[in-house]
Structures are given as structure tokens and as C-alpha cells.
Amino acid sequence: MSKTELIEHLPSTLVQVVEAIGIEDTMRVVDAFGGCRVYVPMQLEGKHLLVTTLGRRLADQLVAHFGGEPLEIPRCLVALRAIRDAEIRSAREEGALPRDLARKHGLTERQVYSILAVREQAERPQRRLFS
């Protein structure tokens, strides 16, 4: 899945964070704070959660964009599922077994087959309803 496709799955409030610090670091913020509100102060102290999570430079970039504001960090379940599903499809194309993919991603084999079937349905040509 490309970065552009991933951004399309993100909630609009998080797209602004992506613009400030990039997609990879935004996903680190989601991993650390998903489902919570994080206050971005006007000035950072050395032990602030953003500094310990992102490092000083990236935390300063967030302060420049959002200083003084609370950030609602969504859990991004749709985007994370889309990433997981794309990884499963890619690994299967490279020969990974559904059983191994299920164990790796904490799914059942049946769920893996369902994920793989979605792509197969999309790639299958549609029959005309009224031929």
C-alpha cells in the first residue's frame, strides 16, 4: 500500500499531523496515543510525552503546528486494517501460507482467506446484469 493510499484511509484530523511530521512518525503517535487526547504545549519540557515518543526535533515540529491545542489521536482502525490486509496479500503473492499469515497477524485462517478473497473479487471481471 502506498503512502497516498494510506493517507486516504486516515481520519481528516490526522492528515494535518501527517503534513507536520510525515506518515511514519504519525503512525508512531497513533501507536503510542491512539484513542487519547494529547495536549501540545506552547513550549516543550524535556520529559514531555511527545519528546519521549518522537524525539525533540519532531516534537518541536508538532509544537510549531499545534502548540496550545489538544490533539485527538484516533485509533485509525480502518487504516491499520488496510495496511495489514495489504501486507497479507503481498506476503501471499510471495508464497506465504495462509496458516502462517494467520498466526503472524493474530487472525484465523478463515479471516486470512476472506481478506484474500476481497482482492480476487475486485480483480474478477463483472458480468453485465442486462446482457
N, C-alpha and C. Protein backbone atom coordinates (compact mmCIF):
# COMPACT_ATOMS: atom_id res chain seq x y z
N MET A 1 0.85 -1.17 0.00
CA MET A 1 0.00 0.00 0.00
C MET A 1 0.90 1.23 0.00
N SER A 2 0.57 2.15 -0.90
CA SER A 2 1.38 3.36 -1.00
C SER A 2 1.00 4.33 0.13
N LYS A 3 1.87 5.31 0.34
CA LYS A 3 1.60 6.33 1.36
C LYS A 3 0.33 7.11 1.04
N THR A 4 0.12 7.38 -0.24
CA THR A 4 -1.07 8.12 -0.65
C THR A 4 -2.33 7.33 -0.32
N GLU A 5 -2.30 6.02 -0.59
CA GLU A 5 -3.46 5.17 -0.28
C GLU A 5 -3.70 5.12 1.22
N LEU A 6 -2.63 5.05 2.00
CA LEU A 6 -2.77 5.02 3.44
C LEU A 6 -3.39 6.32 3.95
N ILE A 7 -2.93 7.45 3.45
CA ILE A 7 -3.45 8.74 3.88
C ILE A 7 -4.94 8.85 3.57
N GLU A 8 -5.38 8.24 2.48
CA GLU A 8 -6.80 8.26 2.13
C GLU A 8 -7.66 7.56 3.19
N HIS A 9 -7.08 6.62 3.92
CA HIS A 9 -7.81 5.88 4.95
C HIS A 9 -7.78 6.58 6.32
N LEU A 10 -6.95 7.59 6.46
CA LEU A 10 -6.81 8.26 7.76
C LEU A 10 -7.94 9.26 7.99
N PRO A 11 -8.34 9.43 9.26
CA PRO A 11 -9.30 10.49 9.58
C PRO A 11 -8.68 11.86 9.24
N SER A 12 -9.54 12.80 8.85
CA SER A 12 -9.05 14.10 8.40
C SER A 12 -8.23 14.82 9.46
N THR A 13 -8.56 14.63 10.74
CA THR A 13 -7.80 15.32 11.78
C THR A 13 -6.35 14.84 11.82
N LEU A 14 -6.12 13.61 11.42
CA LEU A 14 -4.76 13.07 11.46
C LEU A 14 -3.96 13.46 10.23
N VAL A 15 -4.63 13.80 9.16
CA VAL A 15 -3.93 14.21 7.94
C VAL A 15 -3.08 15.45 8.22
N GLN A 16 -3.56 16.35 9.07
CA GLN A 16 -2.78 17.54 9.43
C GLN A 16 -1.50 17.15 10.17
N VAL A 17 -1.58 16.14 11.00
CA VAL A 17 -0.38 15.67 11.70
C VAL A 17 0.60 15.08 10.69
N VAL A 18 0.09 14.34 9.71
CA VAL A 18 0.95 13.78 8.65
C VAL A 18 1.68 14.91 7.93
N GLU A 19 0.98 15.99 7.65
CA GLU A 19 1.60 17.12 6.96
C GLU A 19 2.70 17.74 7.81
N ALA A 20 2.56 17.67 9.13
CA ALA A 20 3.55 18.29 10.02
C ALA A 20 4.78 17.41 10.22
N ILE A 21 4.59 16.08 10.37
CA ILE A 21 5.73 15.23 10.75
C ILE A 21 5.93 14.01 9.85
N GLY A 22 5.07 13.79 8.87
CA GLY A 22 5.23 12.64 7.98
C GLY A 22 4.42 11.44 8.44
N ILE A 23 4.18 10.53 7.51
CA ILE A 23 3.29 9.40 7.77
C ILE A 23 3.87 8.40 8.78
N GLU A 24 5.15 8.05 8.65
CA GLU A 24 5.72 7.05 9.54
C GLU A 24 5.70 7.52 10.99
N ASP A 25 6.06 8.77 11.21
CA ASP A 25 6.08 9.29 12.58
C ASP A 25 4.66 9.52 13.11
N THR A 26 3.73 9.84 12.22
CA THR A 26 2.34 9.95 12.64
C THR A 26 1.83 8.60 13.13
N MET A 27 2.19 7.54 12.44
CA MET A 27 1.75 6.21 12.87
C MET A 27 2.40 5.84 14.21
N ARG A 28 3.57 6.35 14.50
CA ARG A 28 4.17 6.15 15.83
C ARG A 28 3.33 6.84 16.89
N VAL A 29 2.83 8.04 16.58
CA VAL A 29 1.96 8.77 17.50
C VAL A 29 0.67 7.97 17.73
N VAL A 30 0.11 7.42 16.65
CA VAL A 30 -1.11 6.62 16.77
C VAL A 30 -0.85 5.39 17.64
N ASP A 31 0.27 4.72 17.42
CA ASP A 31 0.61 3.54 18.24
C ASP A 31 0.70 3.91 19.72
N ALA A 32 1.29 5.06 19.99
CA ALA A 32 1.50 5.46 21.39
C ALA A 32 0.26 6.05 22.04
N PHE A 33 -0.55 6.81 21.29
CA PHE A 33 -1.63 7.58 21.90
C PHE A 33 -3.01 7.36 21.28
N GLY A 34 -3.14 6.39 20.39
CA GLY A 34 -4.42 6.16 19.71
C GLY A 34 -5.58 6.04 20.68
N GLY A 35 -6.62 6.81 20.44
CA GLY A 35 -7.80 6.81 21.29
C GLY A 35 -7.73 7.80 22.44
N CYS A 36 -6.67 8.58 22.50
CA CYS A 36 -6.48 9.53 23.60
C CYS A 36 -6.31 10.95 23.06
N ARG A 37 -6.46 11.89 23.97
CA ARG A 37 -6.20 13.29 23.66
C ARG A 37 -4.82 13.64 24.20
N VAL A 38 -4.03 14.29 23.38
CA VAL A 38 -2.69 14.72 23.78
C VAL A 38 -2.63 16.23 23.65
N TYR A 39 -2.32 16.88 24.75
CA TYR A 39 -2.18 18.34 24.71
C TYR A 39 -0.79 18.67 24.20
N VAL A 40 -0.73 19.55 23.20
CA VAL A 40 0.55 20.01 22.66
C VAL A 40 0.81 21.38 23.27
N PRO A 41 1.79 21.47 24.16
CA PRO A 41 2.05 22.75 24.83
C PRO A 41 2.69 23.75 23.88
N MET A 42 2.71 24.99 24.32
CA MET A 42 3.37 26.04 23.54
C MET A 42 4.88 25.87 23.56
N GLN A 43 5.40 25.34 24.68
CA GLN A 43 6.83 25.05 24.81
C GLN A 43 6.97 23.69 25.45
N LEU A 44 7.92 22.91 24.95
CA LEU A 44 8.11 21.55 25.45
C LEU A 44 9.16 21.50 26.56
N GLU A 45 8.86 20.68 27.54
CA GLU A 45 9.86 20.36 28.55
C GLU A 45 10.49 19.04 28.14
N GLY A 46 11.67 18.77 28.64
CA GLY A 46 12.44 17.60 28.23
C GLY A 46 11.75 16.26 28.39
N LYS A 47 10.89 16.10 29.37
CA LYS A 47 10.26 14.81 29.63
C LYS A 47 8.82 14.71 29.12
N HIS A 48 8.39 15.63 28.28
CA HIS A 48 7.03 15.58 27.76
C HIS A 48 6.85 14.30 26.95
N LEU A 49 5.64 13.76 26.97
CA LEU A 49 5.34 12.52 26.26
C LEU A 49 5.71 12.58 24.78
N LEU A 50 5.48 13.72 24.15
CA LEU A 50 5.81 13.85 22.73
C LEU A 50 7.32 13.77 22.50
N VAL A 51 8.09 14.33 23.40
CA VAL A 51 9.55 14.27 23.27
C VAL A 51 10.04 12.83 23.44
N THR A 52 9.52 12.14 24.45
CA THR A 52 9.97 10.77 24.68
C THR A 52 9.49 9.82 23.59
N THR A 53 8.38 10.14 22.94
CA THR A 53 7.86 9.28 21.89
C THR A 53 8.51 9.55 20.54
N LEU A 54 8.68 10.82 20.19
CA LEU A 54 9.13 11.20 18.85
C LEU A 54 10.56 11.73 18.78
N GLY A 55 11.08 12.18 19.90
CA GLY A 55 12.35 12.89 19.86
C GLY A 55 12.09 14.38 19.80
N ARG A 56 13.10 15.13 20.13
CA ARG A 56 12.96 16.57 20.27
C ARG A 56 12.57 17.27 18.96
N ARG A 57 13.25 16.92 17.87
CA ARG A 57 13.02 17.62 16.60
C ARG A 57 11.58 17.48 16.13
N LEU A 58 11.04 16.25 16.12
CA LEU A 58 9.67 16.03 15.66
C LEU A 58 8.65 16.62 16.63
N ALA A 59 8.93 16.52 17.92
CA ALA A 59 8.02 17.12 18.91
C ALA A 59 7.97 18.64 18.71
N ASP A 60 9.11 19.25 18.42
CA ASP A 60 9.14 20.69 18.14
C ASP A 60 8.32 21.04 16.89
N GLN A 61 8.33 20.16 15.89
CA GLN A 61 7.54 20.39 14.69
C GLN A 61 6.04 20.36 15.03
N LEU A 62 5.64 19.45 15.92
CA LEU A 62 4.24 19.43 16.34
C LEU A 62 3.88 20.70 17.10
N VAL A 63 4.78 21.17 17.95
CA VAL A 63 4.54 22.42 18.68
C VAL A 63 4.37 23.58 17.70
N ALA A 64 5.19 23.61 16.65
CA ALA A 64 5.09 24.69 15.66
C ALA A 64 3.72 24.69 14.98
N HIS A 65 3.15 23.53 14.76
CA HIS A 65 1.85 23.43 14.08
C HIS A 65 0.65 23.46 15.01
N PHE A 66 0.80 22.86 16.21
CA PHE A 66 -0.36 22.65 17.07
C PHE A 66 -0.18 23.17 18.49
N GLY A 67 0.85 23.96 18.74
CA GLY A 67 1.13 24.44 20.09
C GLY A 67 -0.08 25.10 20.73
N GLY A 68 -0.40 24.66 21.95
CA GLY A 68 -1.53 25.20 22.68
C GLY A 68 -2.85 24.50 22.40
N GLU A 69 -2.82 23.47 21.57
CA GLU A 69 -4.05 22.78 21.21
C GLU A 69 -4.04 21.33 21.71
N PRO A 70 -5.20 20.81 22.04
CA PRO A 70 -5.28 19.37 22.30
C PRO A 70 -5.44 18.63 20.97
N LEU A 71 -4.74 17.55 20.80
CA LEU A 71 -4.88 16.73 19.60
C LEU A 71 -5.64 15.46 19.96
N GLU A 72 -6.74 15.22 19.28
CA GLU A 72 -7.46 13.97 19.43
C GLU A 72 -6.77 12.97 18.49
N ILE A 73 -6.18 11.95 19.06
CA ILE A 73 -5.47 10.96 18.25
C ILE A 73 -6.39 9.75 18.07
N PRO A 74 -6.92 9.56 16.87
CA PRO A 74 -7.81 8.43 16.64
C PRO A 74 -7.02 7.12 16.62
N ARG A 75 -7.72 6.03 16.80
CA ARG A 75 -7.08 4.72 16.80
C ARG A 75 -6.73 4.26 15.38
N CYS A 76 -7.38 4.81 14.39
CA CYS A 76 -7.10 4.53 12.97
C CYS A 76 -7.29 3.07 12.60
N LEU A 77 -8.32 2.47 13.12
CA LEU A 77 -8.54 1.05 12.86
C LEU A 77 -8.70 0.73 11.38
N VAL A 78 -9.40 1.59 10.65
CA VAL A 78 -9.60 1.33 9.23
C VAL A 78 -8.27 1.37 8.48
N ALA A 79 -7.46 2.37 8.76
CA ALA A 79 -6.16 2.49 8.09
C ALA A 79 -5.24 1.34 8.47
N LEU A 80 -5.22 0.98 9.75
CA LEU A 80 -4.36 -0.11 10.18
C LEU A 80 -4.79 -1.44 9.60
N ARG A 81 -6.10 -1.64 9.48
CA ARG A 81 -6.60 -2.87 8.84
C ARG A 81 -6.21 -2.89 7.37
N ALA A 82 -6.31 -1.75 6.72
CA ALA A 82 -5.94 -1.68 5.30
C ALA A 82 -4.47 -2.01 5.10
N ILE A 83 -3.62 -1.52 5.99
CA ILE A 83 -2.19 -1.83 5.92
C ILE A 83 -1.98 -3.33 6.13
N ARG A 84 -2.62 -3.87 7.19
CA ARG A 84 -2.48 -5.30 7.49
C ARG A 84 -2.94 -6.14 6.30
N ASP A 85 -4.09 -5.80 5.74
CA ASP A 85 -4.63 -6.58 4.63
C ASP A 85 -3.70 -6.53 3.41
N ALA A 86 -3.15 -5.36 3.15
CA ALA A 86 -2.20 -5.22 2.03
C ALA A 86 -0.95 -6.06 2.28
N GLU A 87 -0.47 -6.08 3.52
CA GLU A 87 0.68 -6.91 3.86
C GLU A 87 0.37 -8.39 3.68
N ILE A 88 -0.82 -8.81 4.07
CA ILE A 88 -1.23 -10.21 3.92
C ILE A 88 -1.28 -10.58 2.44
N ARG A 89 -1.89 -9.74 1.62
CA ARG A 89 -1.98 -10.04 0.19
C ARG A 89 -0.60 -10.12 -0.45
N SER A 90 0.25 -9.17 -0.08
CA SER A 90 1.61 -9.15 -0.64
C SER A 90 2.39 -10.40 -0.23
N ALA A 91 2.31 -10.75 1.05
CA ALA A 91 3.03 -11.94 1.53
C ALA A 91 2.51 -13.20 0.86
N ARG A 92 1.20 -13.27 0.64
CA ARG A 92 0.63 -14.45 -0.03
C ARG A 92 1.13 -14.54 -1.46
N GLU A 93 1.20 -13.40 -2.15
CA GLU A 93 1.72 -13.39 -3.52
C GLU A 93 3.17 -13.87 -3.57
N GLU A 94 3.89 -13.65 -2.48
CA GLU A 94 5.29 -14.09 -2.40
C GLU A 94 5.41 -15.52 -1.91
N GLY A 95 4.26 -16.19 -1.68
CA GLY A 95 4.29 -17.60 -1.34
C GLY A 95 4.03 -17.96 0.11
N ALA A 96 3.74 -16.98 0.95
CA ALA A 96 3.46 -17.28 2.36
C ALA A 96 2.18 -18.11 2.46
N LEU A 97 2.15 -19.00 3.42
CA LEU A 97 0.99 -19.85 3.64
C LEU A 97 -0.06 -19.12 4.49
N PRO A 98 -1.34 -19.30 4.18
CA PRO A 98 -2.39 -18.67 4.98
C PRO A 98 -2.28 -19.01 6.46
N ARG A 99 -1.91 -20.21 6.79
CA ARG A 99 -1.74 -20.61 8.19
C ARG A 99 -0.69 -19.73 8.88
N ASP A 100 0.43 -19.51 8.20
CA ASP A 100 1.50 -18.68 8.77
C ASP A 100 1.08 -17.21 8.87
N LEU A 101 0.34 -16.74 7.88
CA LEU A 101 -0.14 -15.36 7.92
C LEU A 101 -1.14 -15.16 9.05
N ALA A 102 -1.99 -16.15 9.27
CA ALA A 102 -2.96 -16.07 10.37
C ALA A 102 -2.23 -15.97 11.71
N ARG A 103 -1.24 -16.79 11.91
CA ARG A 103 -0.50 -16.76 13.18
C ARG A 103 0.24 -15.44 13.35
N LYS A 104 0.85 -14.96 12.29
CA LYS A 104 1.62 -13.72 12.36
C LYS A 104 0.74 -12.52 12.73
N HIS A 105 -0.48 -12.48 12.19
CA HIS A 105 -1.34 -11.31 12.37
C HIS A 105 -2.43 -11.51 13.42
N GLY A 106 -2.39 -12.65 14.12
CA GLY A 106 -3.38 -12.90 15.17
C GLY A 106 -4.79 -13.10 14.62
N LEU A 107 -4.89 -13.72 13.46
CA LEU A 107 -6.17 -13.98 12.81
C LEU A 107 -6.40 -15.48 12.69
N THR A 108 -7.59 -15.84 12.25
CA THR A 108 -7.85 -17.23 11.90
C THR A 108 -7.52 -17.41 10.42
N GLU A 109 -7.32 -18.65 10.01
CA GLU A 109 -7.08 -18.90 8.59
C GLU A 109 -8.29 -18.45 7.76
N ARG A 110 -9.46 -18.65 8.32
CA ARG A 110 -10.67 -18.24 7.61
C ARG A 110 -10.67 -16.73 7.35
N GLN A 111 -10.22 -15.93 8.34
CA GLN A 111 -10.13 -14.49 8.15
C GLN A 111 -9.12 -14.14 7.05
N VAL A 112 -8.00 -14.85 7.04
CA VAL A 112 -6.99 -14.62 6.01
C VAL A 112 -7.58 -14.91 4.63
N TYR A 113 -8.28 -16.03 4.50
CA TYR A 113 -8.91 -16.35 3.22
C TYR A 113 -9.93 -15.29 2.81
N SER A 114 -10.65 -14.74 3.78
CA SER A 114 -11.62 -13.68 3.48
C SER A 114 -10.91 -12.43 2.97
N ILE A 115 -9.79 -12.08 3.59
CA ILE A 115 -9.01 -10.93 3.15
C ILE A 115 -8.49 -11.14 1.73
N LEU A 116 -8.01 -12.33 1.46
CA LEU A 116 -7.50 -12.64 0.12
C LEU A 116 -8.62 -12.66 -0.90
N ALA A 117 -9.81 -13.08 -0.51
CA ALA A 117 -10.95 -13.15 -1.42
C ALA A 117 -11.42 -11.77 -1.86
N VAL A 118 -11.27 -10.77 -1.02
CA VAL A 118 -11.70 -9.42 -1.38
C VAL A 118 -10.96 -8.95 -2.62
N ARG A 119 -9.68 -9.18 -2.70
CA ARG A 119 -8.91 -8.76 -3.88
C ARG A 119 -9.34 -9.58 -5.09
N GLU A 120 -9.54 -10.89 -4.88
CA GLU A 120 -9.94 -11.73 -6.00
C GLU A 120 -11.26 -11.28 -6.59
N GLN A 121 -12.20 -10.87 -5.73
CA GLN A 121 -13.49 -10.39 -6.22
C GLN A 121 -13.33 -9.08 -7.00
N ALA A 122 -12.46 -8.22 -6.52
CA ALA A 122 -12.25 -6.93 -7.19
C ALA A 122 -11.57 -7.12 -8.54
N GLU A 123 -10.72 -8.14 -8.64
CA GLU A 123 -9.99 -8.36 -9.88
C GLU A 123 -10.82 -9.14 -10.90
N ARG A 124 -11.83 -9.88 -10.46
CA ARG A 124 -12.67 -10.67 -11.33
C ARG A 124 -13.53 -9.74 -12.18
N PRO A 125 -13.60 -9.98 -13.49
CA PRO A 125 -14.44 -9.11 -14.32
C PRO A 125 -15.92 -9.26 -13.94
N GLN A 126 -16.61 -8.14 -13.96
CA GLN A 126 -18.03 -8.13 -13.63
C GLN A 126 -18.85 -8.56 -14.83
N ARG A 127 -19.84 -9.39 -14.58
CA ARG A 127 -20.77 -9.76 -15.65
C ARG A 127 -21.80 -8.65 -15.80
N ARG A 128 -22.20 -8.45 -16.98
CA ARG A 128 -23.24 -7.43 -17.23
C ARG A 128 -24.56 -7.95 -16.71
N LEU A 129 -25.28 -7.11 -16.00
CA LEU A 129 -26.56 -7.51 -15.46
C LEU A 129 -27.60 -7.70 -16.56
N PHE A 130 -27.57 -6.84 -17.54
CA PHE A 130 -28.57 -6.89 -18.61
C PHE A 130 -27.85 -7.07 -19.93
N SER A 131 -27.48 -8.31 -20.24
CA SER A 131 -26.76 -8.57 -21.48
C SER A 131 -27.69 -8.64 -22.65
